[in-house]
């Protein structure tokens, strides 16, 4: 993947990785009938689409305003 994947999109300011995290979070919440999604479950699903470390995922989730 190129460096362009790390650049925010002009439309909404999200990077590709952030967009994948939000998309998978929404999908998992639907599967779990709106219940909270454990971070390891989210990480596994995100890795199916984009390569990132667990620390990077935690940073993205925190930046996007996840609650505990």
PDB file of N, CA and C in Angstrom:
ATOM      1  N   UNK A   1       0.849  -1.175   0.000  1.00  0.00           N
ATOM      2  CA  UNK A   1       0.000   0.000   0.000  1.00  0.00           C
ATOM      3  C   UNK A   1       0.895   1.237   0.000  1.00  0.00           C
ATOM      4  N   UNK A   2       0.410   2.286  -0.594  1.00  0.00           N
ATOM      5  CA  UNK A   2       1.200   3.503  -0.707  1.00  0.00           C
ATOM      6  C   UNK A   2       1.003   4.397   0.500  1.00  0.00           C
ATOM      7  N   UNK A   3       1.791   5.437   0.518  1.00  0.00           N
ATOM      8  CA  UNK A   3       1.669   6.400   1.609  1.00  0.00           C
ATOM      9  C   UNK A   3       0.339   7.132   1.560  1.00  0.00           C
ATOM     10  N   UNK A   4      -0.307   7.139   0.392  1.00  0.00           N
ATOM     11  CA  UNK A   4      -1.601   7.812   0.254  1.00  0.00           C
ATOM     12  C   UNK A   4      -2.636   7.263   1.229  1.00  0.00           C
ATOM     13  N   UNK A   5      -2.477   6.025   1.651  1.00  0.00           N
ATOM     14  CA  UNK A   5      -3.437   5.418   2.576  1.00  0.00           C
ATOM     15  C   UNK A   5      -3.419   6.115   3.935  1.00  0.00           C
ATOM     16  N   UNK A   6      -2.325   6.799   4.239  1.00  0.00           N
ATOM     17  CA  UNK A   6      -2.213   7.492   5.521  1.00  0.00           C
ATOM     18  C   UNK A   6      -2.675   8.944   5.451  1.00  0.00           C
ATOM     19  N   UNK A   7      -3.003   9.405   4.249  1.00  0.00           N
ATOM     20  CA  UNK A   7      -3.468  10.780   4.088  1.00  0.00           C
ATOM     21  C   UNK A   7      -4.969  10.856   4.336  1.00  0.00           C
ATOM     22  N   UNK A   8      -5.415  11.864   5.076  1.00  0.00           N
ATOM     23  CA  UNK A   8      -6.858  12.019   5.304  1.00  0.00           C
ATOM     24  C   UNK A   8      -7.589  12.337   3.999  1.00  0.00           C
ATOM     25  N   UNK A   9      -8.776  11.809   3.870  1.00  0.00           N
ATOM     26  CA  UNK A   9      -9.624  12.077   2.713  1.00  0.00           C
ATOM     27  C   UNK A   9     -10.180  13.493   2.831  1.00  0.00           C
ATOM     28  N   UNK A  10     -10.222  14.207   1.742  1.00  0.00           N
ATOM     29  CA  UNK A  10     -10.699  15.596   1.759  1.00  0.00           C
ATOM     30  C   UNK A  10     -12.181  15.696   2.130  1.00  0.00           C
ATOM     31  N   UNK A  11     -12.950  14.647   1.862  1.00  0.00           N
ATOM     32  CA  UNK A  11     -14.396  14.701   2.120  1.00  0.00           C
ATOM     33  C   UNK A  11     -14.726  14.699   3.606  1.00  0.00           C
ATOM     34  N   UNK A  12     -14.030  13.850   4.381  1.00  0.00           N
ATOM     35  CA  UNK A  12     -14.402  13.725   5.797  1.00  0.00           C
ATOM     36  C   UNK A  12     -13.205  13.752   6.749  1.00  0.00           C
ATOM     37  N   UNK A  13     -12.005  13.812   6.225  1.00  0.00           N
ATOM     38  CA  UNK A  13     -10.817  13.891   7.073  1.00  0.00           C
ATOM     39  C   UNK A  13     -10.368  12.563   7.648  1.00  0.00           C
ATOM     40  N   UNK A  14     -10.993  11.455   7.247  1.00  0.00           N
ATOM     41  CA  UNK A  14     -10.616  10.137   7.763  1.00  0.00           C
ATOM     42  C   UNK A  14      -9.591   9.478   6.851  1.00  0.00           C
ATOM     43  N   UNK A  15      -8.657   8.759   7.455  1.00  0.00           N
ATOM     44  CA  UNK A  15      -7.732   7.950   6.670  1.00  0.00           C
ATOM     45  C   UNK A  15      -8.433   6.635   6.318  1.00  0.00           C
ATOM     46  N   UNK A  16      -7.823   5.865   5.432  1.00  0.00           N
ATOM     47  CA  UNK A  16      -8.405   4.573   5.065  1.00  0.00           C
ATOM     48  C   UNK A  16      -8.516   3.672   6.299  1.00  0.00           C
ATOM     49  N   UNK A  17      -7.486   3.682   7.139  1.00  0.00           N
ATOM     50  CA  UNK A  17      -7.496   2.832   8.333  1.00  0.00           C
ATOM     51  C   UNK A  17      -8.624   3.236   9.274  1.00  0.00           C
ATOM     52  N   UNK A  18      -8.806   4.524   9.478  1.00  0.00           N
ATOM     53  CA  UNK A  18      -9.886   4.995  10.351  1.00  0.00           C
ATOM     54  C   UNK A  18     -11.246   4.596   9.788  1.00  0.00           C
ATOM     55  N   UNK A  19     -11.393   4.699   8.481  1.00  0.00           N
ATOM     56  CA  UNK A  19     -12.657   4.343   7.845  1.00  0.00           C
ATOM     57  C   UNK A  19     -12.955   2.851   8.011  1.00  0.00           C
ATOM     58  N   UNK A  20     -11.919   2.010   7.863  1.00  0.00           N
ATOM     59  CA  UNK A  20     -12.099   0.563   8.044  1.00  0.00           C
ATOM     60  C   UNK A  20     -12.482   0.257   9.486  1.00  0.00           C
ATOM     61  N   UNK A  21     -11.839   0.919  10.443  1.00  0.00           N
ATOM     62  CA  UNK A  21     -12.159   0.697  11.863  1.00  0.00           C
ATOM     63  C   UNK A  21     -13.622   1.052  12.132  1.00  0.00           C
ATOM     64  N   UNK A  22     -14.060   2.200  11.654  1.00  0.00           N
ATOM     65  CA  UNK A  22     -15.458   2.601  11.876  1.00  0.00           C
ATOM     66  C   UNK A  22     -16.439   1.653  11.196  1.00  0.00           C
ATOM     67  N   UNK A  23     -16.126   1.240   9.998  1.00  0.00           N
ATOM     68  CA  UNK A  23     -16.998   0.325   9.259  1.00  0.00           C
ATOM     69  C   UNK A  23     -17.123  -1.012   9.993  1.00  0.00           C
ATOM     70  N   UNK A  24     -15.972  -1.572  10.415  1.00  0.00           N
ATOM     71  CA  UNK A  24     -16.017  -2.860  11.101  1.00  0.00           C
ATOM     72  C   UNK A  24     -16.689  -2.740  12.461  1.00  0.00           C
ATOM     73  N   UNK A  25     -16.479  -1.638  13.143  1.00  0.00           N
ATOM     74  CA  UNK A  25     -17.136  -1.420  14.424  1.00  0.00           C
ATOM     75  C   UNK A  25     -18.652  -1.417  14.249  1.00  0.00           C
ATOM     76  N   UNK A  26     -19.126  -0.746  13.224  1.00  0.00           N
ATOM     77  CA  UNK A  26     -20.564  -0.725  12.942  1.00  0.00           C
ATOM     78  C   UNK A  26     -21.106  -2.101  12.607  1.00  0.00           C
ATOM     79  N   UNK A  27     -20.360  -2.848  11.793  1.00  0.00           N
ATOM     80  CA  UNK A  27     -20.793  -4.199  11.423  1.00  0.00           C
ATOM     81  C   UNK A  27     -20.852  -5.121  12.642  1.00  0.00           C
ATOM     82  N   UNK A  28     -19.838  -5.044  13.484  1.00  0.00           N
ATOM     83  CA  UNK A  28     -19.813  -5.889  14.676  1.00  0.00           C
ATOM     84  C   UNK A  28     -20.916  -5.511  15.655  1.00  0.00           C
ATOM     85  N   UNK A  29     -21.205  -4.236  15.801  1.00  0.00           N
ATOM     86  CA  UNK A  29     -22.290  -3.814  16.684  1.00  0.00           C
ATOM     87  C   UNK A  29     -23.625  -4.352  16.182  1.00  0.00           C
ATOM     88  N   UNK A  30     -23.815  -4.375  14.864  1.00  0.00           N
ATOM     89  CA  UNK A  30     -25.047  -4.962  14.301  1.00  0.00           C
ATOM     90  C   UNK A  30     -25.120  -6.442  14.637  1.00  0.00           C
ATOM     91  N   UNK A  31     -24.002  -7.154  14.450  1.00  0.00           N
ATOM     92  CA  UNK A  31     -23.964  -8.590  14.744  1.00  0.00           C
ATOM     93  C   UNK A  31     -24.253  -8.871  16.221  1.00  0.00           C
ATOM     94  N   UNK A  32     -23.831  -7.951  17.078  1.00  0.00           N
ATOM     95  CA  UNK A  32     -23.975  -8.146  18.525  1.00  0.00           C
ATOM     96  C   UNK A  32     -25.198  -7.423  19.076  1.00  0.00           C
ATOM     97  N   UNK A  33     -26.143  -7.089  18.205  1.00  0.00           N
ATOM     98  CA  UNK A  33     -27.386  -6.416  18.604  1.00  0.00           C
ATOM     99  C   UNK A  33     -27.141  -5.145  19.417  1.00  0.00           C
ATOM    100  N   UNK A  34     -26.153  -4.354  18.967  1.00  0.00           N
ATOM    101  CA  UNK A  34     -25.897  -3.071  19.595  1.00  0.00           C
ATOM    102  C   UNK A  34     -25.008  -3.104  20.822  1.00  0.00           C
ATOM    103  N   UNK A  35     -24.601  -4.308  21.226  1.00  0.00           N
ATOM    104  CA  UNK A  35     -23.740  -4.402  22.418  1.00  0.00           C
ATOM    105  C   UNK A  35     -22.327  -3.940  22.099  1.00  0.00           C
ATOM    106  N   UNK A  36     -21.571  -3.645  23.152  1.00  0.00           N
ATOM    107  CA  UNK A  36     -20.181  -3.207  22.989  1.00  0.00           C
ATOM    108  C   UNK A  36     -19.352  -4.285  22.297  1.00  0.00           C
ATOM    109  N   UNK A  37     -18.364  -3.835  21.536  1.00  0.00           N
ATOM    110  CA  UNK A  37     -17.493  -4.742  20.791  1.00  0.00           C
ATOM    111  C   UNK A  37     -16.138  -4.808  21.497  1.00  0.00           C
ATOM    112  N   UNK A  38     -15.698  -6.005  21.894  1.00  0.00           N
ATOM    113  CA  UNK A  38     -14.386  -6.137  22.522  1.00  0.00           C
ATOM    114  C   UNK A  38     -13.276  -5.751  21.528  1.00  0.00           C
ATOM    115  N   UNK A  39     -12.256  -5.064  22.002  1.00  0.00           N
ATOM    116  CA  UNK A  39     -11.167  -4.611  21.144  1.00  0.00           C
ATOM    117  C   UNK A  39     -10.483  -5.758  20.398  1.00  0.00           C
ATOM    118  N   UNK A  40     -10.222  -6.913  21.037  1.00  0.00           N
ATOM    119  CA  UNK A  40      -9.589  -8.008  20.288  1.00  0.00           C
ATOM    120  C   UNK A  40     -10.445  -8.493  19.110  1.00  0.00           C
ATOM    121  N   UNK A  41     -11.759  -8.495  19.275  1.00  0.00           N
ATOM    122  CA  UNK A  41     -12.648  -8.897  18.189  1.00  0.00           C
ATOM    123  C   UNK A  41     -12.566  -7.885  17.043  1.00  0.00           C
ATOM    124  N   UNK A  42     -12.597  -6.611  17.392  1.00  0.00           N
ATOM    125  CA  UNK A  42     -12.486  -5.552  16.392  1.00  0.00           C
ATOM    126  C   UNK A  42     -11.147  -5.648  15.673  1.00  0.00           C
ATOM    127  N   UNK A  43     -10.079  -5.869  16.422  1.00  0.00           N
ATOM    128  CA  UNK A  43      -8.744  -5.960  15.834  1.00  0.00           C
ATOM    129  C   UNK A  43      -8.661  -7.093  14.814  1.00  0.00           C
ATOM    130  N   UNK A  44      -9.204  -8.234  15.161  1.00  0.00           N
ATOM    131  CA  UNK A  44      -9.189  -9.367  14.234  1.00  0.00           C
ATOM    132  C   UNK A  44      -9.912  -9.064  12.935  1.00  0.00           C
ATOM    133  N   UNK A  45     -11.050  -8.414  13.031  1.00  0.00           N
ATOM    134  CA  UNK A  45     -11.810  -8.086  11.832  1.00  0.00           C
ATOM    135  C   UNK A  45     -11.129  -7.003  11.001  1.00  0.00           C
ATOM    136  N   UNK A  46     -10.545  -6.021  11.675  1.00  0.00           N
ATOM    137  CA  UNK A  46      -9.855  -4.939  10.963  1.00  0.00           C
ATOM    138  C   UNK A  46      -8.650  -5.499  10.202  1.00  0.00           C
ATOM    139  N   UNK A  47      -7.931  -6.438  10.800  1.00  0.00           N
ATOM    140  CA  UNK A  47      -6.756  -7.024  10.153  1.00  0.00           C
ATOM    141  C   UNK A  47      -7.100  -7.768   8.864  1.00  0.00           C
ATOM    142  N   UNK A  48      -8.337  -8.170   8.711  1.00  0.00           N
ATOM    143  CA  UNK A  48      -8.748  -8.818   7.469  1.00  0.00           C
ATOM    144  C   UNK A  48      -8.734  -7.836   6.296  1.00  0.00           C
ATOM    145  N   UNK A  49      -8.723  -6.541   6.589  1.00  0.00           N
ATOM    146  CA  UNK A  49      -8.831  -5.520   5.546  1.00  0.00           C
ATOM    147  C   UNK A  49      -7.632  -4.586   5.447  1.00  0.00           C
ATOM    148  N   UNK A  50      -6.946  -4.369   6.558  1.00  0.00           N
ATOM    149  CA  UNK A  50      -5.827  -3.430   6.560  1.00  0.00           C
ATOM    150  C   UNK A  50      -4.811  -3.863   7.622  1.00  0.00           C
ATOM    151  N   UNK A  51      -3.533  -3.644   7.338  1.00  0.00           N
ATOM    152  CA  UNK A  51      -2.474  -4.043   8.266  1.00  0.00           C
ATOM    153  C   UNK A  51      -2.195  -2.915   9.253  1.00  0.00           C
ATOM    154  N   UNK A  52      -2.293  -3.216  10.541  1.00  0.00           N
ATOM    155  CA  UNK A  52      -1.957  -2.239  11.576  1.00  0.00           C
ATOM    156  C   UNK A  52      -1.646  -2.969  12.872  1.00  0.00           C
ATOM    157  N   UNK A  53      -0.917  -2.287  13.748  1.00  0.00           N
ATOM    158  CA  UNK A  53      -0.585  -2.864  15.045  1.00  0.00           C
ATOM    159  C   UNK A  53      -1.751  -2.641  16.007  1.00  0.00           C
ATOM    160  N   UNK A  54      -1.740  -3.372  17.099  1.00  0.00           N
ATOM    161  CA  UNK A  54      -2.774  -3.198  18.111  1.00  0.00           C
ATOM    162  C   UNK A  54      -2.677  -1.794  18.709  1.00  0.00           C
ATOM    163  N   UNK A  55      -1.457  -1.292  18.856  1.00  0.00           N
ATOM    164  CA  UNK A  55      -1.278   0.064  19.394  1.00  0.00           C
ATOM    165  C   UNK A  55      -1.896   1.103  18.457  1.00  0.00           C
ATOM    166  N   UNK A  56      -1.743   0.890  17.162  1.00  0.00           N
ATOM    167  CA  UNK A  56      -2.327   1.820  16.196  1.00  0.00           C
ATOM    168  C   UNK A  56      -3.852   1.768  16.249  1.00  0.00           C
ATOM    169  N   UNK A  57      -4.402   0.572  16.391  1.00  0.00           N
ATOM    170  CA  UNK A  57      -5.854   0.445  16.514  1.00  0.00           C
ATOM    171  C   UNK A  57      -6.338   1.153  17.782  1.00  0.00           C
ATOM    172  N   UNK A  58      -5.653   0.950  18.889  1.00  0.00           N
ATOM    173  CA  UNK A  58      -6.042   1.608  20.141  1.00  0.00           C
ATOM    174  C   UNK A  58      -6.006   3.125  19.999  1.00  0.00           C
ATOM    175  N   UNK A  59      -5.000   3.628  19.304  1.00  0.00           N
ATOM    176  CA  UNK A  59      -4.882   5.067  19.083  1.00  0.00           C
ATOM    177  C   UNK A  59      -6.049   5.587  18.240  1.00  0.00           C
ATOM    178  N   UNK A  60      -6.387   4.856  17.183  1.00  0.00           N
ATOM    179  CA  UNK A  60      -7.490   5.270  16.316  1.00  0.00           C
ATOM    180  C   UNK A  60      -8.810   5.233  17.082  1.00  0.00           C
ATOM    181  N   UNK A  61      -9.047   4.166  17.834  1.00  0.00           N
ATOM    182  CA  UNK A  61     -10.294   4.034  18.592  1.00  0.00           C
ATOM    183  C   UNK A  61     -10.409   5.160  19.616  1.00  0.00           C
ATOM    184  N   UNK A  62      -9.314   5.470  20.291  1.00  0.00           N
ATOM    185  CA  UNK A  62      -9.332   6.555  21.280  1.00  0.00           C
ATOM    186  C   UNK A  62      -9.581   7.903  20.599  1.00  0.00           C
ATOM    187  N   UNK A  63      -8.922   8.123  19.474  1.00  0.00           N
ATOM    188  CA  UNK A  63      -9.074   9.392  18.766  1.00  0.00           C
ATOM    189  C   UNK A  63     -10.496   9.576  18.231  1.00  0.00           C
ATOM    190  N   UNK A  64     -11.125   8.486  17.851  1.00  0.00           N
ATOM    191  CA  UNK A  64     -12.484   8.566  17.318  1.00  0.00           C
ATOM    192  C   UNK A  64     -13.539   8.642  18.425  1.00  0.00           C
ATOM    193  N   UNK A  65     -13.090   8.585  19.673  1.00  0.00           N
ATOM    194  CA  UNK A  65     -13.997   8.831  20.787  1.00  0.00           C
ATOM    195  C   UNK A  65     -14.726   7.628  21.330  1.00  0.00           C
ATOM    196  N   UNK A  66     -14.086   6.471  21.307  1.00  0.00           N
ATOM    197  CA  UNK A  66     -14.727   5.274  21.852  1.00  0.00           C
ATOM    198  C   UNK A  66     -14.924   5.413  23.353  1.00  0.00           C
ATOM    199  N   UNK A  67     -16.011   4.824  23.825  1.00  0.00           N
ATOM    200  CA  UNK A  67     -16.311   4.831  25.265  1.00  0.00           C
ATOM    201  C   UNK A  67     -16.119   3.443  25.819  1.00  0.00           C
ATOM    202  N   UNK A  68     -15.891   3.374  27.117  1.00  0.00           N
ATOM    203  CA  UNK A  68     -15.789   2.073  27.792  1.00  0.00           C
ATOM    204  C   UNK A  68     -17.083   1.753  28.463  1.00  0.00           C
TER     205      UNK A  68
END
